[in-house]
Amino acid sequence: MPYTVLIRVGSKITRSRHDALDDAIDALEVELTTLGPAGRRETQKALTREYAPDAQVAARGELRGPTRINPRIRAGADIRGDGSIEVYRGKVVRRPIELGHRERPFDGLRRELAS
């Protein structure tokens, strides 16, 4: 059963399907880490409030699968406006995944989804 990877950058959405969970996480990592300058944001003002780059989501990658009707896995990663990466579980309510000492974000995502 395939896993689906969705990448959202602004209004552009790309989808890909992968047979294995590790392949889907690898695709998610490659797509998000190769954004480069497209993932950077400046401080934005909205009404009377300012949003620092680390408070903005520049791109979002979602991982779904393996079934469409009742997906067991809902997880992903956000690229923040300062270039940092935050991995999470959930769809509507995103719960950040705690990373271990010197653990890379996508390694933490693999660990969390393997359990």
PDB file of N, CA and C in Angstrom:
ATOM      1  N   MET A   1       0.837  -1.173   0.000  1.00  0.00           N
ATOM      2  CA  MET A   1       0.000   0.000   0.000  1.00  0.00           C
ATOM      3  C   MET A   1       0.884   1.239   0.000  1.00  0.00           C
ATOM      4  N   PRO A   2       0.581   2.214  -0.826  1.00  0.00           N
ATOM      5  CA  PRO A   2       1.478   3.359  -0.966  1.00  0.00           C
ATOM      6  C   PRO A   2       1.300   4.404   0.135  1.00  0.00           C
ATOM      7  N   TYR A   3       2.379   5.111   0.356  1.00  0.00           N
ATOM      8  CA  TYR A   3       2.392   6.275   1.229  1.00  0.00           C
ATOM      9  C   TYR A   3       2.397   7.501   0.325  1.00  0.00           C
ATOM     10  N   THR A   4       1.721   8.554   0.746  1.00  0.00           N
ATOM     11  CA  THR A   4       1.648   9.775  -0.040  1.00  0.00           C
ATOM     12  C   THR A   4       2.435  10.871   0.658  1.00  0.00           C
ATOM     13  N   VAL A   5       3.229  11.598  -0.130  1.00  0.00           N
ATOM     14  CA  VAL A   5       3.977  12.752   0.367  1.00  0.00           C
ATOM     15  C   VAL A   5       3.437  13.980  -0.346  1.00  0.00           C
ATOM     16  N   LEU A   6       2.961  14.966   0.416  1.00  0.00           N
ATOM     17  CA  LEU A   6       2.489  16.235  -0.126  1.00  0.00           C
ATOM     18  C   LEU A   6       3.455  17.324   0.304  1.00  0.00           C
ATOM     19  N   ILE A   7       3.863  18.153  -0.641  1.00  0.00           N
ATOM     20  CA  ILE A   7       4.737  19.285  -0.347  1.00  0.00           C
ATOM     21  C   ILE A   7       3.998  20.551  -0.730  1.00  0.00           C
ATOM     22  N   ARG A   8       3.871  21.476   0.226  1.00  0.00           N
ATOM     23  CA  ARG A   8       3.204  22.752  -0.027  1.00  0.00           C
ATOM     24  C   ARG A   8       4.207  23.886   0.156  1.00  0.00           C
ATOM     25  N   VAL A   9       4.394  24.640  -0.910  1.00  0.00           N
ATOM     26  CA  VAL A   9       5.223  25.847  -0.861  1.00  0.00           C
ATOM     27  C   VAL A   9       4.374  26.955  -1.461  1.00  0.00           C
ATOM     28  N   GLY A  10       3.884  27.848  -0.601  1.00  0.00           N
ATOM     29  CA  GLY A  10       2.960  28.863  -1.077  1.00  0.00           C
ATOM     30  C   GLY A  10       1.690  28.188  -1.574  1.00  0.00           C
ATOM     31  N   SER A  11       1.291  28.505  -2.807  1.00  0.00           N
ATOM     32  CA  SER A  11       0.089  27.893  -3.368  1.00  0.00           C
ATOM     33  C   SER A  11       0.401  26.659  -4.213  1.00  0.00           C
ATOM     34  N   LYS A  12       1.674  26.305  -4.339  1.00  0.00           N
ATOM     35  CA  LYS A  12       2.074  25.161  -5.156  1.00  0.00           C
ATOM     36  C   LYS A  12       2.069  23.879  -4.309  1.00  0.00           C
ATOM     37  N   ILE A  13       1.397  22.843  -4.809  1.00  0.00           N
ATOM     38  CA  ILE A  13       1.324  21.558  -4.120  1.00  0.00           C
ATOM     39  C   ILE A  13       1.829  20.473  -5.061  1.00  0.00           C
ATOM     40  N   THR A  14       2.741  19.652  -4.555  1.00  0.00           N
ATOM     41  CA  THR A  14       3.197  18.494  -5.325  1.00  0.00           C
ATOM     42  C   THR A  14       2.926  17.239  -4.507  1.00  0.00           C
ATOM     43  N   ARG A  15       2.619  16.142  -5.207  1.00  0.00           N
ATOM     44  CA  ARG A  15       2.332  14.865  -4.559  1.00  0.00           C
ATOM     45  C   ARG A  15       3.216  13.783  -5.165  1.00  0.00           C
ATOM     46  N   SER A  16       3.591  12.847  -4.327  1.00  0.00           N
ATOM     47  CA  SER A  16       4.298  11.668  -4.819  1.00  0.00           C
ATOM     48  C   SER A  16       3.880  10.474  -3.976  1.00  0.00           C
ATOM     49  N   ARG A  17       3.957   9.293  -4.568  1.00  0.00           N
ATOM     50  CA  ARG A  17       3.594   8.052  -3.865  1.00  0.00           C
ATOM     51  C   ARG A  17       4.831   7.168  -3.754  1.00  0.00           C
ATOM     52  N   HIS A  18       4.917   6.482  -2.614  1.00  0.00           N
ATOM     53  CA  HIS A  18       6.063   5.616  -2.336  1.00  0.00           C
ATOM     54  C   HIS A  18       5.559   4.343  -1.679  1.00  0.00           C
ATOM     55  N   ASP A  19       6.186   3.221  -2.039  1.00  0.00           N
ATOM     56  CA  ASP A  19       5.738   1.924  -1.519  1.00  0.00           C
ATOM     57  C   ASP A  19       6.155   1.677  -0.077  1.00  0.00           C
ATOM     58  N   ALA A  20       7.294   2.216   0.328  1.00  0.00           N
ATOM     59  CA  ALA A  20       7.814   1.965   1.677  1.00  0.00           C
ATOM     60  C   ALA A  20       7.854   3.258   2.487  1.00  0.00           C
ATOM     61  N   LEU A  21       7.685   3.131   3.798  1.00  0.00           N
ATOM     62  CA  LEU A  21       7.713   4.288   4.680  1.00  0.00           C
ATOM     63  C   LEU A  21       9.060   5.000   4.627  1.00  0.00           C
ATOM     64  N   ASP A  22      10.166   4.242   4.637  1.00  0.00           N
ATOM     65  CA  ASP A  22      11.488   4.866   4.576  1.00  0.00           C
ATOM     66  C   ASP A  22      11.682   5.657   3.289  1.00  0.00           C
ATOM     67  N   ASP A  23      11.181   5.136   2.172  1.00  0.00           N
ATOM     68  CA  ASP A  23      11.280   5.867   0.903  1.00  0.00           C
ATOM     69  C   ASP A  23      10.486   7.170   0.959  1.00  0.00           C
ATOM     70  N   ALA A  24       9.314   7.128   1.590  1.00  0.00           N
ATOM     71  CA  ALA A  24       8.484   8.327   1.706  1.00  0.00           C
ATOM     72  C   ALA A  24       9.157   9.378   2.588  1.00  0.00           C
ATOM     73  N   ILE A  25       9.768   8.956   3.687  1.00  0.00           N
ATOM     74  CA  ILE A  25      10.465   9.908   4.562  1.00  0.00           C
ATOM     75  C   ILE A  25      11.684  10.471   3.846  1.00  0.00           C
ATOM     76  N   ASP A  26      12.408   9.637   3.096  1.00  0.00           N
ATOM     77  CA  ASP A  26      13.550  10.127   2.312  1.00  0.00           C
ATOM     78  C   ASP A  26      13.104  11.181   1.302  1.00  0.00           C
ATOM     79  N   ALA A  27      11.988  10.937   0.612  1.00  0.00           N
ATOM     80  CA  ALA A  27      11.473  11.901  -0.365  1.00  0.00           C
ATOM     81  C   ALA A  27      11.066  13.203   0.310  1.00  0.00           C
ATOM     82  N   LEU A  28      10.437  13.097   1.470  1.00  0.00           N
ATOM     83  CA  LEU A  28      10.046  14.277   2.238  1.00  0.00           C
ATOM     84  C   LEU A  28      11.272  15.093   2.618  1.00  0.00           C
ATOM     85  N   GLU A  29      12.312  14.420   3.091  1.00  0.00           N
ATOM     86  CA  GLU A  29      13.541  15.103   3.485  1.00  0.00           C
ATOM     87  C   GLU A  29      14.207  15.793   2.298  1.00  0.00           C
ATOM     88  N   VAL A  30      14.324  15.088   1.184  1.00  0.00           N
ATOM     89  CA  VAL A  30      14.980  15.665   0.003  1.00  0.00           C
ATOM     90  C   VAL A  30      14.218  16.886  -0.504  1.00  0.00           C
ATOM     91  N   GLU A  31      12.909  16.765  -0.613  1.00  0.00           N
ATOM     92  CA  GLU A  31      12.108  17.877  -1.132  1.00  0.00           C
ATOM     93  C   GLU A  31      12.207  19.119  -0.252  1.00  0.00           C
ATOM     94  N   LEU A  32      12.127  18.935   1.063  1.00  0.00           N
ATOM     95  CA  LEU A  32      12.127  20.088   1.958  1.00  0.00           C
ATOM     96  C   LEU A  32      13.514  20.695   2.156  1.00  0.00           C
ATOM     97  N   THR A  33      14.541  19.870   2.185  1.00  0.00           N
ATOM     98  CA  THR A  33      15.881  20.425   2.424  1.00  0.00           C
ATOM     99  C   THR A  33      16.477  21.073   1.182  1.00  0.00           C
ATOM    100  N   THR A  34      15.925  20.807  -0.004  1.00  0.00           N
ATOM    101  CA  THR A  34      16.459  21.418  -1.220  1.00  0.00           C
ATOM    102  C   THR A  34      15.749  22.718  -1.596  1.00  0.00           C
ATOM    103  N   LEU A  35      14.894  23.222  -0.738  1.00  0.00           N
ATOM    104  CA  LEU A  35      14.197  24.473  -1.044  1.00  0.00           C
ATOM    105  C   LEU A  35      15.145  25.661  -1.123  1.00  0.00           C
ATOM    106  N   GLY A  36      16.158  25.674  -0.266  1.00  0.00           N
ATOM    107  CA  GLY A  36      17.136  26.756  -0.293  1.00  0.00           C
ATOM    108  C   GLY A  36      16.509  28.108   0.000  1.00  0.00           C
ATOM    109  N   PRO A  37      16.784  29.128  -0.824  1.00  0.00           N
ATOM    110  CA  PRO A  37      16.284  30.477  -0.573  1.00  0.00           C
ATOM    111  C   PRO A  37      14.763  30.582  -0.586  1.00  0.00           C
ATOM    112  N   ALA A  38      14.076  29.661  -1.243  1.00  0.00           N
ATOM    113  CA  ALA A  38      12.612  29.700  -1.264  1.00  0.00           C
ATOM    114  C   ALA A  38      12.023  29.458   0.115  1.00  0.00           C
ATOM    115  N   GLY A  39      12.802  28.882   1.015  1.00  0.00           N
ATOM    116  CA  GLY A  39      12.330  28.612   2.362  1.00  0.00           C
ATOM    117  C   GLY A  39      12.591  29.727   3.353  1.00  0.00           C
ATOM    118  N   ARG A  40      13.195  30.800   2.918  1.00  0.00           N
ATOM    119  CA  ARG A  40      13.504  31.920   3.821  1.00  0.00           C
ATOM    120  C   ARG A  40      12.398  32.969   3.776  1.00  0.00           C
ATOM    121  N   ARG A  41      12.116  33.565   4.917  1.00  0.00           N
ATOM    122  CA  ARG A  41      11.115  34.619   5.013  1.00  0.00           C
ATOM    123  C   ARG A  41      11.679  35.777   5.836  1.00  0.00           C
ATOM    124  N   GLU A  42      11.179  36.950   5.561  1.00  0.00           N
ATOM    125  CA  GLU A  42      11.505  38.135   6.352  1.00  0.00           C
ATOM    126  C   GLU A  42      10.401  38.337   7.385  1.00  0.00           C
ATOM    127  N   THR A  43      10.629  39.219   8.342  1.00  0.00           N
ATOM    128  CA  THR A  43       9.606  39.551   9.331  1.00  0.00           C
ATOM    129  C   THR A  43       8.403  40.139   8.608  1.00  0.00           C
ATOM    130  N   GLN A  44       7.214  39.629   8.914  1.00  0.00           N
ATOM    131  CA  GLN A  44       5.976  40.062   8.273  1.00  0.00           C
ATOM    132  C   GLN A  44       5.112  40.819   9.274  1.00  0.00           C
ATOM    133  N   LYS A  45       4.395  41.809   8.789  1.00  0.00           N
ATOM    134  CA  LYS A  45       3.464  42.550   9.631  1.00  0.00           C
ATOM    135  C   LYS A  45       2.048  42.246   9.173  1.00  0.00           C
ATOM    136  N   ALA A  46       1.184  41.986  10.157  1.00  0.00           N
ATOM    137  CA  ALA A  46      -0.238  41.787   9.897  1.00  0.00           C
ATOM    138  C   ALA A  46      -1.015  42.574  10.932  1.00  0.00           C
ATOM    139  N   LEU A  47      -1.736  43.559  10.472  1.00  0.00           N
ATOM    140  CA  LEU A  47      -2.449  44.495  11.343  1.00  0.00           C
ATOM    141  C   LEU A  47      -1.458  45.134  12.320  1.00  0.00           C
ATOM    142  N   THR A  48      -1.549  44.828  13.597  1.00  0.00           N
ATOM    143  CA  THR A  48      -0.650  45.446  14.576  1.00  0.00           C
ATOM    144  C   THR A  48       0.397  44.483  15.107  1.00  0.00           C
ATOM    145  N   ARG A  49       0.509  43.325  14.508  1.00  0.00           N
ATOM    146  CA  ARG A  49       1.424  42.309  15.023  1.00  0.00           C
ATOM    147  C   ARG A  49       2.508  41.986  14.010  1.00  0.00           C
ATOM    148  N   GLU A  50       3.704  41.696  14.524  1.00  0.00           N
ATOM    149  CA  GLU A  50       4.815  41.285  13.676  1.00  0.00           C
ATOM    150  C   GLU A  50       5.088  39.802  13.889  1.00  0.00           C
ATOM    151  N   TYR A  51       5.401  39.110  12.789  1.00  0.00           N
ATOM    152  CA  TYR A  51       5.720  37.689  12.844  1.00  0.00           C
ATOM    153  C   TYR A  51       7.168  37.494  12.433  1.00  0.00           C
ATOM    154  N   ALA A  52       7.970  37.016  13.371  1.00  0.00           N
ATOM    155  CA  ALA A  52       9.382  36.758  13.099  1.00  0.00           C
ATOM    156  C   ALA A  52       9.492  35.570  12.145  1.00  0.00           C
ATOM    157  N   PRO A  53      10.612  35.448  11.431  1.00  0.00           N
ATOM    158  CA  PRO A  53      10.768  34.330  10.501  1.00  0.00           C
ATOM    159  C   PRO A  53      10.570  32.954  11.136  1.00  0.00           C
ATOM    160  N   ASP A  54      11.002  32.764  12.386  1.00  0.00           N
ATOM    161  CA  ASP A  54      10.854  31.447  13.017  1.00  0.00           C
ATOM    162  C   ASP A  54       9.410  31.130  13.391  1.00  0.00           C
ATOM    163  N   ALA A  55       8.509  32.120  13.351  1.00  0.00           N
ATOM    164  CA  ALA A  55       7.097  31.903  13.651  1.00  0.00           C
ATOM    165  C   ALA A  55       6.278  31.645  12.381  1.00  0.00           C
ATOM    166  N   GLN A  56       6.923  31.714  11.217  1.00  0.00           N
ATOM    167  CA  GLN A  56       6.234  31.520   9.944  1.00  0.00           C
ATOM    168  C   GLN A  56       6.560  30.151   9.360  1.00  0.00           C
ATOM    169  N   VAL A  57       5.598  29.565   8.691  1.00  0.00           N
ATOM    170  CA  VAL A  57       5.829  28.309   7.978  1.00  0.00           C
ATOM    171  C   VAL A  57       6.035  28.651   6.509  1.00  0.00           C
ATOM    172  N   ALA A  58       7.251  28.420   6.024  1.00  0.00           N
ATOM    173  CA  ALA A  58       7.570  28.714   4.630  1.00  0.00           C
ATOM    174  C   ALA A  58       7.146  27.576   3.710  1.00  0.00           C
ATOM    175  N   ALA A  59       7.233  26.351   4.206  1.00  0.00           N
ATOM    176  CA  ALA A  59       6.842  25.177   3.427  1.00  0.00           C
ATOM    177  C   ALA A  59       6.415  24.076   4.395  1.00  0.00           C
ATOM    178  N   ARG A  60       5.508  23.239   3.925  1.00  0.00           N
ATOM    179  CA  ARG A  60       5.037  22.131   4.754  1.00  0.00           C
ATOM    180  C   ARG A  60       5.052  20.857   3.928  1.00  0.00           C
ATOM    181  N   GLY A  61       5.553  19.804   4.541  1.00  0.00           N
ATOM    182  CA  GLY A  61       5.528  18.491   3.916  1.00  0.00           C
ATOM    183  C   GLY A  61       4.702  17.561   4.770  1.00  0.00           C
ATOM    184  N   GLU A  62       3.744  16.862   4.164  1.00  0.00           N
ATOM    185  CA  GLU A  62       2.879  15.944   4.891  1.00  0.00           C
ATOM    186  C   GLU A  62       3.101  14.522   4.404  1.00  0.00           C
ATOM    187  N   LEU A  63       3.009  13.609   5.336  1.00  0.00           N
ATOM    188  CA  LEU A  63       3.165  12.188   5.049  1.00  0.00           C
ATOM    189  C   LEU A  63       1.881  11.492   5.470  1.00  0.00           C
ATOM    190  N   ARG A  64       1.279  10.747   4.528  1.00  0.00           N
ATOM    191  CA  ARG A  64       0.032  10.036   4.797  1.00  0.00           C
ATOM    192  C   ARG A  64       0.159   8.590   4.345  1.00  0.00           C
ATOM    193  N   GLY A  65      -0.550   7.724   5.018  1.00  0.00           N
ATOM    194  CA  GLY A  65      -0.547   6.350   4.537  1.00  0.00           C
ATOM    195  C   GLY A  65      -0.748   5.353   5.647  1.00  0.00           C
ATOM    196  N   PRO A  66      -0.766   4.111   5.300  1.00  0.00           N
ATOM    197  CA  PRO A  66      -0.691   3.557   3.956  1.00  0.00           C
ATOM    198  C   PRO A  66      -2.034   3.444   3.249  1.00  0.00           C
ATOM    199  N   THR A  67      -3.175   3.647   3.948  1.00  0.00           N
ATOM    200  CA  THR A  67      -4.460   3.552   3.259  1.00  0.00           C
ATOM    201  C   THR A  67      -5.110   4.921   3.175  1.00  0.00           C
ATOM    202  N   ARG A  68      -5.929   5.100   2.178  1.00  0.00           N
ATOM    203  CA  ARG A  68      -6.570   6.393   1.981  1.00  0.00           C
ATOM    204  C   ARG A  68      -7.774   6.571   2.898  1.00  0.00           C
ATOM    205  N   ILE A  69      -8.522   5.510   3.115  1.00  0.00           N
ATOM    206  CA  ILE A  69      -9.755   5.610   3.894  1.00  0.00           C
ATOM    207  C   ILE A  69      -9.457   5.830   5.377  1.00  0.00           C
ATOM    208  N   ASN A  70      -8.529   5.080   5.929  1.00  0.00           N
ATOM    209  CA  ASN A  70      -8.187   5.204   7.342  1.00  0.00           C
ATOM    210  C   ASN A  70      -6.671   5.257   7.484  1.00  0.00           C
ATOM    211  N   PRO A  71      -6.066   6.408   7.194  1.00  0.00           N
ATOM    212  CA  PRO A  71      -4.603   6.470   7.249  1.00  0.00           C
ATOM    213  C   PRO A  71      -4.092   6.344   8.676  1.00  0.00           C
ATOM    214  N   ARG A  72      -3.176   5.402   8.877  1.00  0.00           N
ATOM    215  CA  ARG A  72      -2.587   5.217  10.207  1.00  0.00           C
ATOM    216  C   ARG A  72      -1.549   6.280  10.479  1.00  0.00           C
ATOM    217  N   ILE A  73      -0.916   6.766   9.441  1.00  0.00           N
ATOM    218  CA  ILE A  73       0.168   7.718   9.637  1.00  0.00           C
ATOM    219  C   ILE A  73      -0.253   9.085   9.133  1.00  0.00           C
ATOM    220  N   ARG A  74      -0.184  10.048  10.009  1.00  0.00           N
ATOM    221  CA  ARG A  74      -0.356  11.452   9.675  1.00  0.00           C
ATOM    222  C   ARG A  74       0.793  12.167  10.363  1.00  0.00           C
ATOM    223  N   ALA A  75       1.753  12.593   9.596  1.00  0.00           N
ATOM    224  CA  ALA A  75       2.934  13.236  10.149  1.00  0.00           C
ATOM    225  C   ALA A  75       3.512  14.156   9.090  1.00  0.00           C
ATOM    226  N   GLY A  76       4.562  14.885   9.453  1.00  0.00           N
ATOM    227  CA  GLY A  76       5.179  15.753   8.469  1.00  0.00           C
ATOM    228  C   GLY A  76       6.245  16.634   9.071  1.00  0.00           C
ATOM    229  N   ALA A  77       6.599  17.655   8.298  1.00  0.00           N
ATOM    230  CA  ALA A  77       7.640  18.579   8.710  1.00  0.00           C
ATOM    231  C   ALA A  77       7.325  19.968   8.173  1.00  0.00           C
ATOM    232  N   ASP A  78       7.648  20.968   8.965  1.00  0.00           N
ATOM    233  CA  ASP A  78       7.507  22.364   8.556  1.00  0.00           C
ATOM    234  C   ASP A  78       8.890  22.972   8.405  1.00  0.00           C
ATOM    235  N   ILE A  79       9.079  23.725   7.336  1.00  0.00           N
ATOM    236  CA  ILE A  79      10.277  24.547   7.182  1.00  0.00           C
ATOM    237  C   ILE A  79       9.885  25.936   7.648  1.00  0.00           C
ATOM    238  N   ARG A  80      10.515  26.402   8.670  1.00  0.00           N
ATOM    239  CA  ARG A  80      10.230  27.727   9.210  1.00  0.00           C
ATOM    240  C   ARG A  80      10.919  28.793   8.365  1.00  0.00           C
ATOM    241  N   GLY A  81      10.488  30.029   8.524  1.00  0.00           N
ATOM    242  CA  GLY A  81      11.034  31.137   7.746  1.00  0.00           C
ATOM    243  C   GLY A  81      12.503  31.407   8.002  1.00  0.00           C
ATOM    244  N   ASP A  82      13.043  30.915   9.124  1.00  0.00           N
ATOM    245  CA  ASP A  82      14.472  31.093   9.407  1.00  0.00           C
ATOM    246  C   ASP A  82      15.296  29.906   8.904  1.00  0.00           C
ATOM    247  N   GLY A  83      14.651  28.945   8.249  1.00  0.00           N
ATOM    248  CA  GLY A  83      15.346  27.780   7.706  1.00  0.00           C
ATOM    249  C   GLY A  83      15.351  26.569   8.624  1.00  0.00           C
ATOM    250  N   SER A  84      14.838  26.690   9.827  1.00  0.00           N
ATOM    251  CA  SER A  84      14.808  25.553  10.751  1.00  0.00           C
ATOM    252  C   SER A  84      13.691  24.590  10.352  1.00  0.00           C
ATOM    253  N   ILE A  85      13.816  23.354  10.811  1.00  0.00           N
ATOM    254  CA  ILE A  85      12.856  22.304  10.476  1.00  0.00           C
ATOM    255  C   ILE A  85      12.221  21.784  11.760  1.00  0.00           C
ATOM    256  N   GLU A  86      10.901  21.674  11.754  1.00  0.00           N
ATOM    257  CA  GLU A  86      10.175  21.124  12.893  1.00  0.00           C
ATOM    258  C   GLU A  86       9.342  19.947  12.391  1.00  0.00           C
ATOM    259  N   VAL A  87       9.526  18.770  12.977  1.00  0.00           N
ATOM    260  CA  VAL A  87       8.747  17.592  12.602  1.00  0.00           C
ATOM    261  C   VAL A  87       7.607  17.413  13.596  1.00  0.00           C
ATOM    262  N   TYR A  88       6.514  16.816  13.117  1.00  0.00           N
ATOM    263  CA  TYR A  88       5.330  16.676  13.956  1.00  0.00           C
ATOM    264  C   TYR A  88       4.556  15.427  13.583  1.00  0.00           C
ATOM    265  N   ARG A  89       3.632  15.053  14.475  1.00  0.00           N
ATOM    266  CA  ARG A  89       2.635  14.006  14.215  1.00  0.00           C
ATOM    267  C   ARG A  89       1.275  14.666  14.270  1.00  0.00           C
ATOM    268  N   GLY A  90       0.339  14.104  13.513  1.00  0.00           N
ATOM    269  CA  GLY A  90      -1.021  14.619  13.521  1.00  0.00           C
ATOM    270  C   GLY A  90      -1.341  15.377  12.254  1.00  0.00           C
ATOM    271  N   LYS A  91      -2.611  15.663  12.063  1.00  0.00           N
ATOM    272  CA  LYS A  91      -3.064  16.409  10.892  1.00  0.00           C
ATOM    273  C   LYS A  91      -3.703  17.717  11.335  1.00  0.00           C
ATOM    274  N   VAL A  92      -4.797  17.623  12.058  1.00  0.00           N
ATOM    275  CA  VAL A  92      -5.482  18.825  12.518  1.00  0.00           C
ATOM    276  C   VAL A  92      -4.736  19.418  13.708  1.00  0.00           C
ATOM    277  N   VAL A  93      -4.435  18.591  14.681  1.00  0.00           N
ATOM    278  CA  VAL A  93      -3.635  19.011  15.830  1.00  0.00           C
ATOM    279  C   VAL A  93      -2.229  18.454  15.621  1.00  0.00           C
ATOM    280  N   ARG A  94      -1.280  19.340  15.377  1.00  0.00           N
ATOM    281  CA  ARG A  94       0.106  18.912  15.133  1.00  0.00           C
ATOM    282  C   ARG A  94       0.865  18.900  16.447  1.00  0.00           C
ATOM    283  N   ARG A  95       1.367  17.718  16.810  1.00  0.00           N
ATOM    284  CA  ARG A  95       2.149  17.579  18.037  1.00  0.00           C
ATOM    285  C   ARG A  95       3.617  17.465  17.653  1.00  0.00           C
ATOM    286  N   PRO A  96       4.436  18.452  18.060  1.00  0.00           N
ATOM    287  CA  PRO A  96       5.867  18.400  17.710  1.00  0.00           C
ATOM    288  C   PRO A  96       6.529  17.155  18.279  1.00  0.00           C
ATOM    289  N   ILE A  97       7.460  16.608  17.521  1.00  0.00           N
ATOM    290  CA  ILE A  97       8.222  15.443  17.957  1.00  0.00           C
ATOM    291  C   ILE A  97       9.474  15.939  18.660  1.00  0.00           C
ATOM    292  N   GLU A  98       9.656  15.474  19.892  1.00  0.00           N
ATOM    293  CA  GLU A  98      10.844  15.845  20.660  1.00  0.00           C
ATOM    294  C   GLU A  98      12.059  15.121  20.080  1.00  0.00           C
ATOM    295  N   LEU A  99      13.112  15.868  19.831  1.00  0.00           N
ATOM    296  CA  LEU A  99      14.335  15.284  19.280  1.00  0.00           C
ATOM    297  C   LEU A  99      15.336  15.013  20.388  1.00  0.00           C
ATOM    298  N   GLY A 100      16.073  13.934  20.231  1.00  0.00           N
ATOM    299  CA  GLY A 100      17.123  13.600  21.169  1.00  0.00           C
ATOM    300  C   GLY A 100      18.341  14.486  20.946  1.00  0.00           C
ATOM    301  N   HIS A 101      19.326  14.343  21.806  1.00  0.00           N
ATOM    302  CA  HIS A 101      20.559  15.123  21.703  1.00  0.00           C
ATOM    303  C   HIS A 101      21.238  14.840  20.364  1.00  0.00           C
ATOM    304  N   ARG A 102      21.449  15.870  19.577  1.00  0.00           N
ATOM    305  CA  ARG A 102      22.095  15.806  18.253  1.00  0.00           C
ATOM    306  C   ARG A 102      21.333  14.954  17.241  1.00  0.00           C
ATOM    307  N   GLU A 103      20.052  14.744  17.469  1.00  0.00           N
ATOM    308  CA  GLU A 103      19.249  13.969  16.538  1.00  0.00           C
ATOM    309  C   GLU A 103      18.717  14.903  15.448  1.00  0.00           C
ATOM    310  N   ARG A 104      18.848  14.479  14.201  1.00  0.00           N
ATOM    311  CA  ARG A 104      18.347  15.260  13.080  1.00  0.00           C
ATOM    312  C   ARG A 104      16.828  15.135  13.024  1.00  0.00           C
ATOM    313  N   PRO A 105      16.130  16.163  12.521  1.00  0.00           N
ATOM    314  CA  PRO A 105      14.660  16.127  12.515  1.00  0.00           C
ATOM    315  C   PRO A 105      14.068  14.904  11.821  1.00  0.00           C
ATOM    316  N   PHE A 106      14.591  14.534  10.653  1.00  0.00           N
ATOM    317  CA  PHE A 106      13.992  13.419   9.927  1.00  0.00           C
ATOM    318  C   PHE A 106      14.342  12.069  10.553  1.00  0.00           C
ATOM    319  N   ASP A 107      15.445  11.998  11.286  1.00  0.00           N
ATOM    320  CA  ASP A 107      15.745  10.797  12.055  1.00  0.00           C
ATOM    321  C   ASP A 107      14.759  10.660  13.221  1.00  0.00           C
ATOM    322  N   GLY A 108      14.400  11.784  13.831  1.00  0.00           N
ATOM    323  CA  GLY A 108      13.386  11.773  14.882  1.00  0.00           C
ATOM    324  C   GLY A 108      12.028  11.353  14.353  1.00  0.00           C
ATOM    325  N   LEU A 109      11.697  11.795  13.140  1.00  0.00           N
ATOM    326  CA  LEU A 109      10.443  11.396  12.508  1.00  0.00           C
ATOM    327  C   LEU A 109      10.441   9.892  12.241  1.00  0.00           C
ATOM    328  N   ARG A 110      11.545   9.361  11.752  1.00  0.00           N
ATOM    329  CA  ARG A 110      11.647   7.910  11.521  1.00  0.00           C
ATOM    330  C   ARG A 110      11.470   7.130  12.821  1.00  0.00           C
ATOM    331  N   ARG A 111      12.156   7.591  13.878  1.00  0.00           N
ATOM    332  CA  ARG A 111      12.057   6.925  15.177  1.00  0.00           C
ATOM    333  C   ARG A 111      10.623   6.933  15.677  1.00  0.00           C
ATOM    334  N   GLU A 112       9.970   8.055  15.581  1.00  0.00           N
ATOM    335  CA  GLU A 112       8.600   8.201  16.075  1.00  0.00           C
ATOM    336  C   GLU A 112       7.620   7.324  15.299  1.00  0.00           C
ATOM    337  N   LEU A 113       7.784   7.256  13.984  1.00  0.00           N
ATOM    338  CA  LEU A 113       6.858   6.471  13.178  1.00  0.00           C
ATOM    339  C   LEU A 113       7.144   4.974  13.240  1.00  0.00           C
ATOM    340  N   ALA A 114       8.352   4.602  13.606  1.00  0.00           N
ATOM    341  CA  ALA A 114       8.698   3.189  13.732  1.00  0.00           C
ATOM    342  C   ALA A 114       8.102   2.585  14.996  1.00  0.00           C
ATOM    343  N   SER A 115       7.814   3.419  15.987  1.00  0.00           N
ATOM    344  CA  SER A 115       7.294   2.896  17.256  1.00  0.00           C
ATOM    345  C   SER A 115       5.797   2.699  17.226  1.00  0.00           C
TER     346      SER A 115
END
